Every structure is written in structure tokens, then in C-alpha cells.
Amino acid sequence: MLFNKVIKKYIHTHIPTYIHTYINTYIHTHIHTYIYAYIHIKEETMQNWQKEWEDCTKAEITKKFFPKIKDRQKLKIEIIPIFTAMVTGHGKTRA
């Protein structure tokens, strides 16, 4: 948002009114287009990734901990060797 403020200030101080109105409209229109495209691509990617995760025949132990990729991404997890061993079922862990 700071970037938008800097651009608008520059436009208002250096460019005639009729041109900066056009530029503001152009920027506003294209920013919304890019934001929409980004959100759409991100959602579609997450759906595809979730489908691949569900269809995968491996990582059954990990799937029990993290059945939904979106929920896992919200978690702040420090990835350390003992954690990796626990969710993958590999490594030396004490019972």
C-alpha cells in the first residue's frame, strides 16, 4: 500500500490532471486484475495439491497428523529431526 501512496503522490505532483486520472484508473483496474488472478491461481493450486495429497498412497502416518494441506500451512511448526521422525514413521524414536 505504501507503494500506491508514493505513486499517487508522484502522479499528483508531476503529471497534469487529465493524465493522472487516466493513470489512476489504469493502475486501479490492473491491480484488481492481478489480485484476482493471484487469488484464483492460488486457490486452484491448493485444490490440486489437496487432491494429489488425498490420492497419494504413501505418507499414511503423516496424513493422520495433517489431513488438510491448508490447515497444515496455517501451523507454525519448527521442523526438527525428532518431529520429522514422528510424522514420517522413520528414524529412531523412543516409545
PDB file of N, CA and C in Angstrom:
ATOM      1  N   MET A   1       0.813  -1.198   0.000  1.00  0.00           N
ATOM      2  CA  MET A   1       0.000   0.000   0.000  1.00  0.00           C
ATOM      3  C   MET A   1       0.858   1.264   0.000  1.00  0.00           C
ATOM      4  N   LEU A   2       2.017   1.211   0.621  1.00  0.00           N
ATOM      5  CA  LEU A   2       2.913   2.356   0.634  1.00  0.00           C
ATOM      6  C   LEU A   2       3.321   2.700  -0.794  1.00  0.00           C
ATOM      7  N   PHE A   3       3.542   1.660  -1.600  1.00  0.00           N
ATOM      8  CA  PHE A   3       3.908   1.858  -2.992  1.00  0.00           C
ATOM      9  C   PHE A   3       2.829   2.657  -3.726  1.00  0.00           C
ATOM     10  N   ASN A   4       1.543   2.317  -3.489  1.00  0.00           N
ATOM     11  CA  ASN A   4       0.435   3.040  -4.117  1.00  0.00           C
ATOM     12  C   ASN A   4       0.437   4.510  -3.723  1.00  0.00           C
ATOM     13  N   LYS A   5       0.696   4.784  -2.445  1.00  0.00           N
ATOM     14  CA  LYS A   5       0.731   6.169  -1.966  1.00  0.00           C
ATOM     15  C   LYS A   5       1.846   6.950  -2.634  1.00  0.00           C
ATOM     16  N   VAL A   6       3.006   6.338  -2.776  1.00  0.00           N
ATOM     17  CA  VAL A   6       4.141   7.001  -3.413  1.00  0.00           C
ATOM     18  C   VAL A   6       3.819   7.298  -4.871  1.00  0.00           C
ATOM     19  N   ILE A   7       3.242   6.332  -5.571  1.00  0.00           N
ATOM     20  CA  ILE A   7       2.877   6.540  -6.979  1.00  0.00           C
ATOM     21  C   ILE A   7       1.854   7.661  -7.108  1.00  0.00           C
ATOM     22  N   LYS A   8       0.813   7.629  -6.276  1.00  0.00           N
ATOM     23  CA  LYS A   8      -0.230   8.661  -6.350  1.00  0.00           C
ATOM     24  C   LYS A   8       0.339  10.049  -6.071  1.00  0.00           C
ATOM     25  N   LYS A   9       1.228  10.153  -5.086  1.00  0.00           N
ATOM     26  CA  LYS A   9       1.832  11.451  -4.775  1.00  0.00           C
ATOM     27  C   LYS A   9       2.642  11.946  -5.967  1.00  0.00           C
ATOM     28  N   TYR A  10       3.425  11.049  -6.560  1.00  0.00           N
ATOM     29  CA  TYR A  10       4.226  11.426  -7.719  1.00  0.00           C
ATOM     30  C   TYR A  10       3.321  11.870  -8.875  1.00  0.00           C
ATOM     31  N   ILE A  11       2.271  11.121  -9.118  1.00  0.00           N
ATOM     32  CA  ILE A  11       1.351  11.448 -10.205  1.00  0.00           C
ATOM     33  C   ILE A  11       0.725  12.822  -9.991  1.00  0.00           C
ATOM     34  N   HIS A  12       0.265  13.089  -8.776  1.00  0.00           N
ATOM     35  CA  HIS A  12      -0.404  14.370  -8.488  1.00  0.00           C
ATOM     36  C   HIS A  12       0.545  15.554  -8.578  1.00  0.00           C
ATOM     37  N   THR A  13       1.820  15.350  -8.307  1.00  0.00           N
ATOM     38  CA  THR A  13       2.753  16.484  -8.311  1.00  0.00           C
ATOM     39  C   THR A  13       3.485  16.666  -9.636  1.00  0.00           C
ATOM     40  N   HIS A  14       3.531  15.651 -10.477  1.00  0.00           N
ATOM     41  CA  HIS A  14       4.340  15.746 -11.689  1.00  0.00           C
ATOM     42  C   HIS A  14       3.580  15.594 -13.008  1.00  0.00           C
ATOM     43  N   ILE A  15       2.351  15.205 -12.963  1.00  0.00           N
ATOM     44  CA  ILE A  15       1.621  14.924 -14.202  1.00  0.00           C
ATOM     45  C   ILE A  15       0.312  15.714 -14.212  1.00  0.00           C
ATOM     46  N   PRO A  16      -0.067  16.270 -15.375  1.00  0.00           N
ATOM     47  CA  PRO A  16      -1.328  17.027 -15.462  1.00  0.00           C
ATOM     48  C   PRO A  16      -2.533  16.174 -15.046  1.00  0.00           C
ATOM     49  N   THR A  17      -3.592  16.829 -14.591  1.00  0.00           N
ATOM     50  CA  THR A  17      -4.763  16.172 -14.019  1.00  0.00           C
ATOM     51  C   THR A  17      -5.389  15.144 -14.953  1.00  0.00           C
ATOM     52  N   TYR A  18      -5.611  15.486 -16.212  1.00  0.00           N
ATOM     53  CA  TYR A  18      -6.288  14.544 -17.112  1.00  0.00           C
ATOM     54  C   TYR A  18      -5.469  13.268 -17.307  1.00  0.00           C
ATOM     55  N   ILE A  19      -4.156  13.391 -17.282  1.00  0.00           N
ATOM     56  CA  ILE A  19      -3.318  12.207 -17.453  1.00  0.00           C
ATOM     57  C   ILE A  19      -3.298  11.380 -16.160  1.00  0.00           C
ATOM     58  N   HIS A  20      -3.194  12.039 -14.996  1.00  0.00           N
ATOM     59  CA  HIS A  20      -3.126  11.240 -13.767  1.00  0.00           C
ATOM     60  C   HIS A  20      -4.451  10.558 -13.464  1.00  0.00           C
ATOM     61  N   THR A  21      -5.569  11.110 -13.952  1.00  0.00           N
ATOM     62  CA  THR A  21      -6.852  10.424 -13.791  1.00  0.00           C
ATOM     63  C   THR A  21      -6.838   9.121 -14.600  1.00  0.00           C
ATOM     64  N   TYR A  22      -6.321   9.199 -15.816  1.00  0.00           N
ATOM     65  CA  TYR A  22      -6.213   8.008 -16.658  1.00  0.00           C
ATOM     66  C   TYR A  22      -5.293   6.978 -16.010  1.00  0.00           C
ATOM     67  N   ILE A  23      -4.142   7.426 -15.529  1.00  0.00           N
ATOM     68  CA  ILE A  23      -3.172   6.515 -14.915  1.00  0.00           C
ATOM     69  C   ILE A  23      -3.761   5.865 -13.668  1.00  0.00           C
ATOM     70  N   ASN A  24      -4.434   6.643 -12.812  1.00  0.00           N
ATOM     71  CA  ASN A  24      -5.064   6.087 -11.612  1.00  0.00           C
ATOM     72  C   ASN A  24      -6.068   5.002 -11.985  1.00  0.00           C
ATOM     73  N   THR A  25      -6.875   5.261 -12.998  1.00  0.00           N
ATOM     74  CA  THR A  25      -7.869   4.290 -13.442  1.00  0.00           C
ATOM     75  C   THR A  25      -7.186   3.031 -13.970  1.00  0.00           C
ATOM     76  N   TYR A  26      -6.153   3.226 -14.762  1.00  0.00           N
ATOM     77  CA  TYR A  26      -5.410   2.104 -15.334  1.00  0.00           C
ATOM     78  C   TYR A  26      -4.794   1.244 -14.231  1.00  0.00           C
ATOM     79  N   ILE A  27      -4.116   1.885 -13.290  1.00  0.00           N
ATOM     80  CA  ILE A  27      -3.467   1.156 -12.190  1.00  0.00           C
ATOM     81  C   ILE A  27      -4.513   0.415 -11.366  1.00  0.00           C
ATOM     82  N   HIS A  28      -5.591   1.098 -11.011  1.00  0.00           N
ATOM     83  CA  HIS A  28      -6.641   0.501 -10.187  1.00  0.00           C
ATOM     84  C   HIS A  28      -7.225  -0.740 -10.876  1.00  0.00           C
ATOM     85  N   THR A  29      -7.524  -0.618 -12.153  1.00  0.00           N
ATOM     86  CA  THR A  29      -8.097  -1.729 -12.911  1.00  0.00           C
ATOM     87  C   THR A  29      -7.136  -2.914 -12.970  1.00  0.00           C
ATOM     88  N   HIS A  30      -5.885  -2.654 -13.277  1.00  0.00           N
ATOM     89  CA  HIS A  30      -4.925  -3.745 -13.444  1.00  0.00           C
ATOM     90  C   HIS A  30      -4.510  -4.376 -12.124  1.00  0.00           C
ATOM     91  N   ILE A  31      -4.431  -3.588 -11.070  1.00  0.00           N
ATOM     92  CA  ILE A  31      -4.102  -4.171  -9.768  1.00  0.00           C
ATOM     93  C   ILE A  31      -5.180  -5.166  -9.374  1.00  0.00           C
ATOM     94  N   HIS A  32      -6.452  -4.810  -9.562  1.00  0.00           N
ATOM     95  CA  HIS A  32      -7.535  -5.733  -9.228  1.00  0.00           C
ATOM     96  C   HIS A  32      -7.484  -6.985 -10.099  1.00  0.00           C
ATOM     97  N   THR A  33      -7.118  -6.823 -11.364  1.00  0.00           N
ATOM     98  CA  THR A  33      -6.998  -7.971 -12.261  1.00  0.00           C
ATOM     99  C   THR A  33      -5.897  -8.915 -11.782  1.00  0.00           C
ATOM    100  N   TYR A  34      -4.753  -8.360 -11.416  1.00  0.00           N
ATOM    101  CA  TYR A  34      -3.647  -9.179 -10.936  1.00  0.00           C
ATOM    102  C   TYR A  34      -3.985  -9.857  -9.613  1.00  0.00           C
ATOM    103  N   ILE A  35      -4.636  -9.125  -8.722  1.00  0.00           N
ATOM    104  CA  ILE A  35      -5.030  -9.701  -7.430  1.00  0.00           C
ATOM    105  C   ILE A  35      -6.008 -10.849  -7.649  1.00  0.00           C
ATOM    106  N   TYR A  36      -6.993 -10.649  -8.507  1.00  0.00           N
ATOM    107  CA  TYR A  36      -7.967 -11.704  -8.805  1.00  0.00           C
ATOM    108  C   TYR A  36      -7.257 -12.933  -9.381  1.00  0.00           C
ATOM    109  N   ALA A  37      -6.351 -12.707 -10.325  1.00  0.00           N
ATOM    110  CA  ALA A  37      -5.630 -13.816 -10.947  1.00  0.00           C
ATOM    111  C   ALA A  37      -4.790 -14.551  -9.907  1.00  0.00           C
ATOM    112  N   TYR A  38      -4.109 -13.806  -9.042  1.00  0.00           N
ATOM    113  CA  TYR A  38      -3.281 -14.426  -7.999  1.00  0.00           C
ATOM    114  C   TYR A  38      -4.133 -15.295  -7.078  1.00  0.00           C
ATOM    115  N   ILE A  39      -5.240 -14.760  -6.614  1.00  0.00           N
ATOM    116  CA  ILE A  39      -6.122 -15.497  -5.706  1.00  0.00           C
ATOM    117  C   ILE A  39      -6.673 -16.741  -6.401  1.00  0.00           C
ATOM    118  N   HIS A  40      -7.109 -16.588  -7.636  1.00  0.00           N
ATOM    119  CA  HIS A  40      -7.661 -17.713  -8.396  1.00  0.00           C
ATOM    120  C   HIS A  40      -6.618 -18.813  -8.585  1.00  0.00           C
ATOM    121  N   ILE A  41      -5.421 -18.431  -8.985  1.00  0.00           N
ATOM    122  CA  ILE A  41      -4.354 -19.411  -9.209  1.00  0.00           C
ATOM    123  C   ILE A  41      -3.983 -20.090  -7.900  1.00  0.00           C
ATOM    124  N   LYS A  42      -3.904 -19.323  -6.815  1.00  0.00           N
ATOM    125  CA  LYS A  42      -3.559 -19.905  -5.511  1.00  0.00           C
ATOM    126  C   LYS A  42      -4.616 -20.920  -5.059  1.00  0.00           C
ATOM    127  N   GLU A  43      -5.898 -20.563  -5.196  1.00  0.00           N
ATOM    128  CA  GLU A  43      -6.969 -21.482  -4.805  1.00  0.00           C
ATOM    129  C   GLU A  43      -6.954 -22.758  -5.647  1.00  0.00           C
ATOM    130  N   GLU A  44      -6.775 -22.590  -6.945  1.00  0.00           N
ATOM    131  CA  GLU A  44      -6.751 -23.753  -7.840  1.00  0.00           C
ATOM    132  C   GLU A  44      -5.551 -24.653  -7.524  1.00  0.00           C
ATOM    133  N   THR A  45      -4.409 -24.042  -7.243  1.00  0.00           N
ATOM    134  CA  THR A  45      -3.215 -24.807  -6.889  1.00  0.00           C
ATOM    135  C   THR A  45      -3.440 -25.587  -5.604  1.00  0.00           C
ATOM    136  N   MET A  46      -4.046 -24.944  -4.604  1.00  0.00           N
ATOM    137  CA  MET A  46      -4.314 -25.620  -3.334  1.00  0.00           C
ATOM    138  C   MET A  46      -5.278 -26.794  -3.521  1.00  0.00           C
ATOM    139  N   GLN A  47      -6.289 -26.611  -4.354  1.00  0.00           N
ATOM    140  CA  GLN A  47      -7.240 -27.698  -4.624  1.00  0.00           C
ATOM    141  C   GLN A  47      -6.541 -28.876  -5.299  1.00  0.00           C
ATOM    142  N   ASN A  48      -5.695 -28.579  -6.277  1.00  0.00           N
ATOM    143  CA  ASN A  48      -4.956 -29.645  -6.974  1.00  0.00           C
ATOM    144  C   ASN A  48      -4.002 -30.358  -6.021  1.00  0.00           C
ATOM    145  N   TRP A  49      -3.321 -29.585  -5.178  1.00  0.00           N
ATOM    146  CA  TRP A  49      -2.381 -30.163  -4.231  1.00  0.00           C
ATOM    147  C   TRP A  49      -3.113 -31.060  -3.228  1.00  0.00           C
ATOM    148  N   GLN A  50      -4.277 -30.592  -2.742  1.00  0.00           N
ATOM    149  CA  GLN A  50      -5.057 -31.384  -1.791  1.00  0.00           C
ATOM    150  C   GLN A  50      -5.512 -32.691  -2.440  1.00  0.00           C
ATOM    151  N   LYS A  51      -5.945 -32.618  -3.701  1.00  0.00           N
ATOM    152  CA  LYS A  51      -6.377 -33.827  -4.403  1.00  0.00           C
ATOM    153  C   LYS A  51      -5.221 -34.815  -4.543  1.00  0.00           C
ATOM    154  N   GLU A  52      -4.046 -34.309  -4.925  1.00  0.00           N
ATOM    155  CA  GLU A  52      -2.869 -35.177  -5.032  1.00  0.00           C
ATOM    156  C   GLU A  52      -2.524 -35.791  -3.678  1.00  0.00           C
ATOM    157  N   TRP A  53      -2.644 -34.999  -2.610  1.00  0.00           N
ATOM    158  CA  TRP A  53      -2.350 -35.473  -1.253  1.00  0.00           C
ATOM    159  C   TRP A  53      -3.304 -36.597  -0.863  1.00  0.00           C
ATOM    160  N   GLU A  54      -4.579 -36.421  -1.167  1.00  0.00           N
ATOM    161  CA  GLU A  54      -5.576 -37.443  -0.830  1.00  0.00           C
ATOM    162  C   GLU A  54      -5.395 -38.705  -1.662  1.00  0.00           C
ATOM    163  N   ASP A  55      -4.998 -38.558  -2.922  1.00  0.00           N
ATOM    164  CA  ASP A  55      -4.839 -39.701  -3.814  1.00  0.00           C
ATOM    165  C   ASP A  55      -3.515 -40.445  -3.609  1.00  0.00           C
ATOM    166  N   CYS A  56      -2.566 -39.820  -2.949  1.00  0.00           N
ATOM    167  CA  CYS A  56      -1.254 -40.419  -2.722  1.00  0.00           C
ATOM    168  C   CYS A  56      -1.392 -41.659  -1.836  1.00  0.00           C
ATOM    169  N   THR A  57      -0.698 -42.721  -2.219  1.00  0.00           N
ATOM    170  CA  THR A  57      -0.773 -43.955  -1.437  1.00  0.00           C
ATOM    171  C   THR A  57       0.326 -44.033  -0.383  1.00  0.00           C
ATOM    172  N   LYS A  58       1.228 -43.066  -0.378  1.00  0.00           N
ATOM    173  CA  LYS A  58       2.304 -43.034   0.608  1.00  0.00           C
ATOM    174  C   LYS A  58       1.958 -42.032   1.713  1.00  0.00           C
ATOM    175  N   ALA A  59       2.797 -41.935   2.706  1.00  0.00           N
ATOM    176  CA  ALA A  59       2.694 -40.942   3.785  1.00  0.00           C
ATOM    177  C   ALA A  59       1.428 -41.091   4.625  1.00  0.00           C
ATOM    178  N   GLU A  60       1.012 -42.315   4.854  1.00  0.00           N
ATOM    179  CA  GLU A  60      -0.217 -42.546   5.631  1.00  0.00           C
ATOM    180  C   GLU A  60      -0.114 -42.004   7.059  1.00  0.00           C
ATOM    181  N   ILE A  61       1.047 -42.147   7.679  1.00  0.00           N
ATOM    182  CA  ILE A  61       1.219 -41.620   9.045  1.00  0.00           C
ATOM    183  C   ILE A  61       1.131 -40.101   9.031  1.00  0.00           C
ATOM    184  N   THR A  62       1.810 -39.473   8.100  1.00  0.00           N
ATOM    185  CA  THR A  62       1.782 -38.011   8.004  1.00  0.00           C
ATOM    186  C   THR A  62       0.366 -37.520   7.739  1.00  0.00           C
ATOM    187  N   LYS A  63      -0.388 -38.226   6.918  1.00  0.00           N
ATOM    188  CA  LYS A  63      -1.768 -37.834   6.619  1.00  0.00           C
ATOM    189  C   LYS A  63      -2.648 -37.852   7.863  1.00  0.00           C
ATOM    190  N   LYS A  64      -2.343 -38.728   8.800  1.00  0.00           N
ATOM    191  CA  LYS A  64      -3.124 -38.762  10.037  1.00  0.00           C
ATOM    192  C   LYS A  64      -2.907 -37.478  10.855  1.00  0.00           C
ATOM    193  N   PHE A  65      -1.689 -36.947  10.812  1.00  0.00           N
ATOM    194  CA  PHE A  65      -1.398 -35.692  11.506  1.00  0.00           C
ATOM    195  C   PHE A  65      -1.930 -34.485  10.743  1.00  0.00           C
ATOM    196  N   PHE A  66      -1.816 -34.519   9.417  1.00  0.00           N
ATOM    197  CA  PHE A  66      -2.173 -33.377   8.574  1.00  0.00           C
ATOM    198  C   PHE A  66      -3.060 -33.813   7.406  1.00  0.00           C
ATOM    199  N   PRO A  67      -4.357 -34.042   7.657  1.00  0.00           N
ATOM    200  CA  PRO A  67      -5.225 -34.474   6.558  1.00  0.00           C
ATOM    201  C   PRO A  67      -5.510 -33.360   5.537  1.00  0.00           C
ATOM    202  N   LYS A  68      -5.482 -32.112   5.973  1.00  0.00           N
ATOM    203  CA  LYS A  68      -5.756 -30.981   5.070  1.00  0.00           C
ATOM    204  C   LYS A  68      -4.516 -30.114   4.942  1.00  0.00           C
ATOM    205  N   ILE A  69      -4.063 -29.911   3.731  1.00  0.00           N
ATOM    206  CA  ILE A  69      -2.860 -29.117   3.474  1.00  0.00           C
ATOM    207  C   ILE A  69      -3.053 -27.673   3.945  1.00  0.00           C
ATOM    208  N   LYS A  70      -4.218 -27.123   3.701  1.00  0.00           N
ATOM    209  CA  LYS A  70      -4.483 -25.736   4.087  1.00  0.00           C
ATOM    210  C   LYS A  70      -4.342 -25.543   5.595  1.00  0.00           C
ATOM    211  N   ASP A  71      -4.845 -26.506   6.374  1.00  0.00           N
ATOM    212  CA  ASP A  71      -4.729 -26.429   7.831  1.00  0.00           C
ATOM    213  C   ASP A  71      -3.271 -26.535   8.263  1.00  0.00           C
ATOM    214  N   ARG A  72      -2.505 -27.406   7.598  1.00  0.00           N
ATOM    215  CA  ARG A  72      -1.093 -27.565   7.936  1.00  0.00           C
ATOM    216  C   ARG A  72      -0.323 -26.274   7.681  1.00  0.00           C
ATOM    217  N   GLN A  73      -0.636 -25.590   6.599  1.00  0.00           N
ATOM    218  CA  GLN A  73       0.088 -24.369   6.267  1.00  0.00           C
ATOM    219  C   GLN A  73      -0.155 -23.251   7.287  1.00  0.00           C
ATOM    220  N   LYS A  74      -1.269 -23.306   7.977  1.00  0.00           N
ATOM    221  CA  LYS A  74      -1.570 -22.288   8.987  1.00  0.00           C
ATOM    222  C   LYS A  74      -0.748 -22.489  10.256  1.00  0.00           C
ATOM    223  N   LEU A  75      -0.259 -23.707  10.467  1.00  0.00           N
ATOM    224  CA  LEU A  75       0.505 -24.016  11.672  1.00  0.00           C
ATOM    225  C   LEU A  75       1.934 -23.514  11.565  1.00  0.00           C
ATOM    226  N   LYS A  76       2.449 -23.031  12.670  1.00  0.00           N
ATOM    227  CA  LYS A  76       3.856 -22.631  12.743  1.00  0.00           C
ATOM    228  C   LYS A  76       4.597 -23.784  13.417  1.00  0.00           C
ATOM    229  N   ILE A  77       5.261 -24.601  12.617  1.00  0.00           N
ATOM    230  CA  ILE A  77       5.934 -25.790  13.131  1.00  0.00           C
ATOM    231  C   ILE A  77       7.428 -25.682  12.858  1.00  0.00           C
ATOM    232  N   GLU A  78       8.206 -25.876  13.911  1.00  0.00           N
ATOM    233  CA  GLU A  78       9.653 -25.919  13.740  1.00  0.00           C
ATOM    234  C   GLU A  78      10.017 -27.331  13.288  1.00  0.00           C
ATOM    235  N   ILE A  79      10.579 -27.427  12.125  1.00  0.00           N
ATOM    236  CA  ILE A  79      10.917 -28.731  11.569  1.00  0.00           C
ATOM    237  C   ILE A  79      12.286 -29.144  12.114  1.00  0.00           C
ATOM    238  N   ILE A  80      12.260 -30.100  13.036  1.00  0.00           N
ATOM    239  CA  ILE A  80      13.475 -30.617  13.646  1.00  0.00           C
ATOM    240  C   ILE A  80      13.495 -32.128  13.425  1.00  0.00           C
ATOM    241  N   PRO A  81      14.641 -32.779  13.585  1.00  0.00           N
ATOM    242  CA  PRO A  81      14.730 -34.214  13.291  1.00  0.00           C
ATOM    243  C   PRO A  81      13.709 -35.082  14.034  1.00  0.00           C
ATOM    244  N   ILE A  82      13.460 -34.816  15.294  1.00  0.00           N
ATOM    245  CA  ILE A  82      12.515 -35.662  16.047  1.00  0.00           C
ATOM    246  C   ILE A  82      11.087 -35.502  15.509  1.00  0.00           C
ATOM    247  N   PHE A  83      10.736 -34.291  15.099  1.00  0.00           N
ATOM    248  CA  PHE A  83       9.412 -34.061  14.515  1.00  0.00           C
ATOM    249  C   PHE A  83       9.285 -34.826  13.197  1.00  0.00           C
ATOM    250  N   THR A  84      10.300 -34.714  12.362  1.00  0.00           N
ATOM    251  CA  THR A  84      10.288 -35.413  11.076  1.00  0.00           C
ATOM    252  C   THR A  84      10.173 -36.920  11.275  1.00  0.00           C
ATOM    253  N   ALA A  85      10.920 -37.452  12.240  1.00  0.00           N
ATOM    254  CA  ALA A  85      10.857 -38.890  12.524  1.00  0.00           C
ATOM    255  C   ALA A  85       9.453 -39.287  12.980  1.00  0.00           C
ATOM    256  N   MET A  86       8.819 -38.432  13.776  1.00  0.00           N
ATOM    257  CA  MET A  86       7.494 -38.746  14.302  1.00  0.00           C
ATOM    258  C   MET A  86       6.430 -38.791  13.195  1.00  0.00           C
ATOM    259  N   VAL A  87       6.398 -37.781  12.345  1.00  0.00           N
ATOM    260  CA  VAL A  87       5.329 -37.735  11.341  1.00  0.00           C
ATOM    261  C   VAL A  87       5.578 -38.627  10.135  1.00  0.00           C
ATOM    262  N   THR A  88       6.826 -39.041   9.921  1.00  0.00           N
ATOM    263  CA  THR A  88       7.098 -39.917   8.785  1.00  0.00           C
ATOM    264  C   THR A  88       7.150 -41.386   9.190  1.00  0.00           C
ATOM    265  N   GLY A  89       7.327 -41.632  10.491  1.00  0.00           N
ATOM    266  CA  GLY A  89       7.437 -43.012  10.946  1.00  0.00           C
ATOM    267  C   GLY A  89       8.824 -43.591  10.690  1.00  0.00           C
ATOM    268  N   HIS A  90       9.796 -42.740  10.380  1.00  0.00           N
ATOM    269  CA  HIS A  90      11.166 -43.168  10.133  1.00  0.00           C
ATOM    270  C   HIS A  90      12.067 -42.626  11.244  1.00  0.00           C
ATOM    271  N   GLY A  91      13.177 -43.281  11.444  1.00  0.00           N
ATOM    272  CA  GLY A  91      14.153 -42.782  12.415  1.00  0.00           C
ATOM    273  C   GLY A  91      14.039 -43.488  13.742  1.00  0.00           C
ATOM    274  N   LYS A  92      14.934 -43.118  14.633  1.00  0.00           N
ATOM    275  CA  LYS A  92      14.981 -43.743  15.959  1.00  0.00           C
ATOM    276  C   LYS A  92      14.197 -42.881  16.935  1.00  0.00           C
ATOM    277  N   THR A  93      13.096 -43.395  17.393  1.00  0.00           N
ATOM    278  CA  THR A  93      12.318 -42.692  18.410  1.00  0.00           C
ATOM    279  C   THR A  93      12.054 -43.654  19.563  1.00  0.00           C
ATOM    280  N   ARG A  94      12.044 -43.109  20.738  1.00  0.00           N
ATOM    281  CA  ARG A  94      11.783 -43.934  21.908  1.00  0.00           C
ATOM    282  C   ARG A  94      10.284 -44.053  22.128  1.00  0.00           C
ATOM    283  N   ALA A  95       9.851 -45.228  22.487  1.00  0.00           N
ATOM    284  CA  ALA A  95       8.419 -45.481  22.706  1.00  0.00           C
ATOM    285  C   ALA A  95       7.961 -44.867  24.016  1.00  0.00           C
TER     286      ALA A  95
END
